[in-house]
Amino acid sequence: MVTGGRIRDQAETISNWERQKDGIGTIHVQDTTGREDVTCLGNVYTIGKGVAP
């Protein structure tokens, strides 16, 4: 569940997680239609585990 930023209130699947040198993490998330977005780690609340949203 994305809780902030431009893609707020959307349930998406995490496809990649990157940690930058300055300590800020970025998350690549993908929705059910296949569209991929990037947001900060602080904007993501993880519910469940596995590959299905």
N, C-alpha and C. Protein backbone atom coordinates (compact mmCIF):
# COMPACT_ATOMS: atom_id res chain seq x y z
N MET A 1 0.85 -1.16 0.00
CA MET A 1 0.00 0.00 0.00
C MET A 1 0.90 1.23 0.00
N VAL A 2 0.68 2.12 -0.92
CA VAL A 2 1.44 3.36 -1.00
C VAL A 2 0.68 4.41 -0.21
N THR A 3 1.36 5.03 0.79
CA THR A 3 0.69 5.95 1.70
C THR A 3 1.03 7.41 1.46
N GLY A 4 1.87 7.72 0.49
CA GLY A 4 2.22 9.11 0.23
C GLY A 4 2.74 9.27 -1.19
N GLY A 5 2.94 10.52 -1.56
CA GLY A 5 3.45 10.81 -2.89
C GLY A 5 2.36 10.87 -3.94
N ARG A 6 2.77 10.83 -5.20
CA ARG A 6 1.85 10.96 -6.32
C ARG A 6 0.95 9.75 -6.50
N ILE A 7 1.38 8.58 -6.07
CA ILE A 7 0.62 7.35 -6.28
C ILE A 7 -0.01 6.87 -4.97
N ARG A 8 -0.43 7.80 -4.13
CA ARG A 8 -1.00 7.50 -2.82
C ARG A 8 -2.27 6.67 -2.93
N ASP A 9 -2.53 5.84 -1.92
CA ASP A 9 -3.74 5.02 -1.79
C ASP A 9 -3.89 3.98 -2.88
N GLN A 10 -2.80 3.45 -3.36
CA GLN A 10 -2.86 2.39 -4.35
C GLN A 10 -2.17 1.15 -3.81
N ALA A 11 -2.78 0.00 -4.01
CA ALA A 11 -2.17 -1.27 -3.64
C ALA A 11 -1.38 -1.78 -4.83
N GLU A 12 -0.09 -1.92 -4.65
CA GLU A 12 0.79 -2.32 -5.74
C GLU A 12 1.78 -3.35 -5.25
N THR A 13 2.48 -3.99 -6.18
CA THR A 13 3.48 -5.00 -5.88
C THR A 13 4.87 -4.37 -5.96
N ILE A 14 5.71 -4.63 -4.96
CA ILE A 14 7.08 -4.12 -4.98
C ILE A 14 7.89 -4.96 -5.96
N SER A 15 8.48 -4.30 -6.95
CA SER A 15 9.28 -5.03 -7.94
C SER A 15 10.77 -4.87 -7.72
N ASN A 16 11.20 -3.80 -7.03
CA ASN A 16 12.63 -3.58 -6.79
C ASN A 16 12.77 -2.60 -5.63
N TRP A 17 13.87 -2.76 -4.87
CA TRP A 17 14.15 -1.88 -3.75
C TRP A 17 15.61 -1.48 -3.84
N GLU A 18 15.88 -0.17 -3.88
CA GLU A 18 17.25 0.34 -4.00
C GLU A 18 17.57 1.20 -2.79
N ARG A 19 18.80 1.08 -2.29
CA ARG A 19 19.25 1.97 -1.23
C ARG A 19 20.33 2.87 -1.82
N GLN A 20 20.11 4.17 -1.75
CA GLN A 20 21.05 5.14 -2.29
C GLN A 20 22.21 5.37 -1.31
N LYS A 21 23.29 5.98 -1.77
CA LYS A 21 24.46 6.23 -0.92
C LYS A 21 24.14 7.20 0.21
N ASP A 22 23.20 8.10 0.00
CA ASP A 22 22.85 9.08 1.04
C ASP A 22 21.86 8.51 2.05
N GLY A 23 21.51 7.23 1.96
CA GLY A 23 20.65 6.57 2.94
C GLY A 23 19.18 6.57 2.61
N ILE A 24 18.78 7.22 1.53
CA ILE A 24 17.37 7.26 1.14
C ILE A 24 17.08 6.04 0.27
N GLY A 25 16.04 5.30 0.63
CA GLY A 25 15.67 4.13 -0.15
C GLY A 25 14.59 4.47 -1.15
N THR A 26 14.66 3.87 -2.32
CA THR A 26 13.62 4.05 -3.33
C THR A 26 13.02 2.70 -3.65
N ILE A 27 11.71 2.69 -3.85
CA ILE A 27 10.96 1.48 -4.12
C ILE A 27 10.35 1.58 -5.51
N HIS A 28 10.53 0.55 -6.32
CA HIS A 28 9.86 0.45 -7.61
C HIS A 28 8.64 -0.42 -7.39
N VAL A 29 7.46 0.12 -7.67
CA VAL A 29 6.21 -0.62 -7.48
C VAL A 29 5.49 -0.77 -8.81
N GLN A 30 4.76 -1.86 -8.95
CA GLN A 30 4.05 -2.15 -10.20
C GLN A 30 2.59 -2.45 -9.87
N ASP A 31 1.67 -1.83 -10.62
CA ASP A 31 0.25 -2.09 -10.38
C ASP A 31 -0.22 -3.26 -11.23
N THR A 32 -1.50 -3.59 -11.12
CA THR A 32 -2.04 -4.77 -11.81
C THR A 32 -2.07 -4.63 -13.32
N THR A 33 -2.03 -3.38 -13.84
CA THR A 33 -2.02 -3.18 -15.28
C THR A 33 -0.61 -3.22 -15.87
N GLY A 34 0.42 -3.31 -15.01
CA GLY A 34 1.79 -3.39 -15.48
C GLY A 34 2.55 -2.08 -15.43
N ARG A 35 1.88 -0.98 -15.05
CA ARG A 35 2.55 0.31 -14.97
C ARG A 35 3.47 0.34 -13.75
N GLU A 36 4.70 0.83 -13.92
CA GLU A 36 5.67 0.87 -12.85
C GLU A 36 5.94 2.30 -12.43
N ASP A 37 6.00 2.53 -11.12
CA ASP A 37 6.30 3.84 -10.56
C ASP A 37 7.40 3.69 -9.53
N VAL A 38 8.02 4.83 -9.17
CA VAL A 38 9.08 4.85 -8.16
C VAL A 38 8.67 5.82 -7.08
N THR A 39 8.88 5.43 -5.81
CA THR A 39 8.56 6.30 -4.69
C THR A 39 9.58 6.07 -3.58
N CYS A 40 9.59 6.94 -2.59
CA CYS A 40 10.50 6.81 -1.45
C CYS A 40 10.06 5.68 -0.53
N LEU A 41 11.01 5.10 0.17
CA LEU A 41 10.73 4.00 1.08
C LEU A 41 9.73 4.40 2.16
N GLY A 42 9.77 5.65 2.62
CA GLY A 42 8.86 6.12 3.65
C GLY A 42 7.41 6.22 3.20
N ASN A 43 7.16 6.16 1.90
CA ASN A 43 5.80 6.25 1.37
C ASN A 43 5.13 4.90 1.20
N VAL A 44 5.81 3.82 1.58
CA VAL A 44 5.27 2.48 1.33
C VAL A 44 5.01 1.78 2.66
N TYR A 45 3.83 1.19 2.77
CA TYR A 45 3.45 0.38 3.92
C TYR A 45 3.20 -1.03 3.40
N THR A 46 4.00 -1.99 3.85
CA THR A 46 3.91 -3.34 3.32
C THR A 46 2.87 -4.16 4.08
N ILE A 47 1.94 -4.74 3.33
CA ILE A 47 0.96 -5.66 3.91
C ILE A 47 1.03 -6.97 3.13
N GLY A 48 1.23 -8.06 3.83
CA GLY A 48 1.32 -9.36 3.18
C GLY A 48 2.69 -9.62 2.60
N LYS A 49 2.82 -10.79 1.98
CA LYS A 49 4.07 -11.13 1.29
C LYS A 49 3.73 -12.05 0.13
N GLY A 50 4.63 -12.14 -0.81
CA GLY A 50 4.40 -12.95 -1.99
C GLY A 50 4.43 -12.10 -3.23
N VAL A 51 3.89 -12.62 -4.33
CA VAL A 51 3.97 -11.92 -5.60
C VAL A 51 2.65 -11.29 -6.02
N ALA A 52 1.56 -11.58 -5.33
CA ALA A 52 0.26 -11.01 -5.70
C ALA A 52 -0.05 -9.78 -4.87
N PRO A 53 -0.65 -8.72 -5.48
CA PRO A 53 -1.00 -7.55 -4.69
C PRO A 53 -2.17 -7.81 -3.77
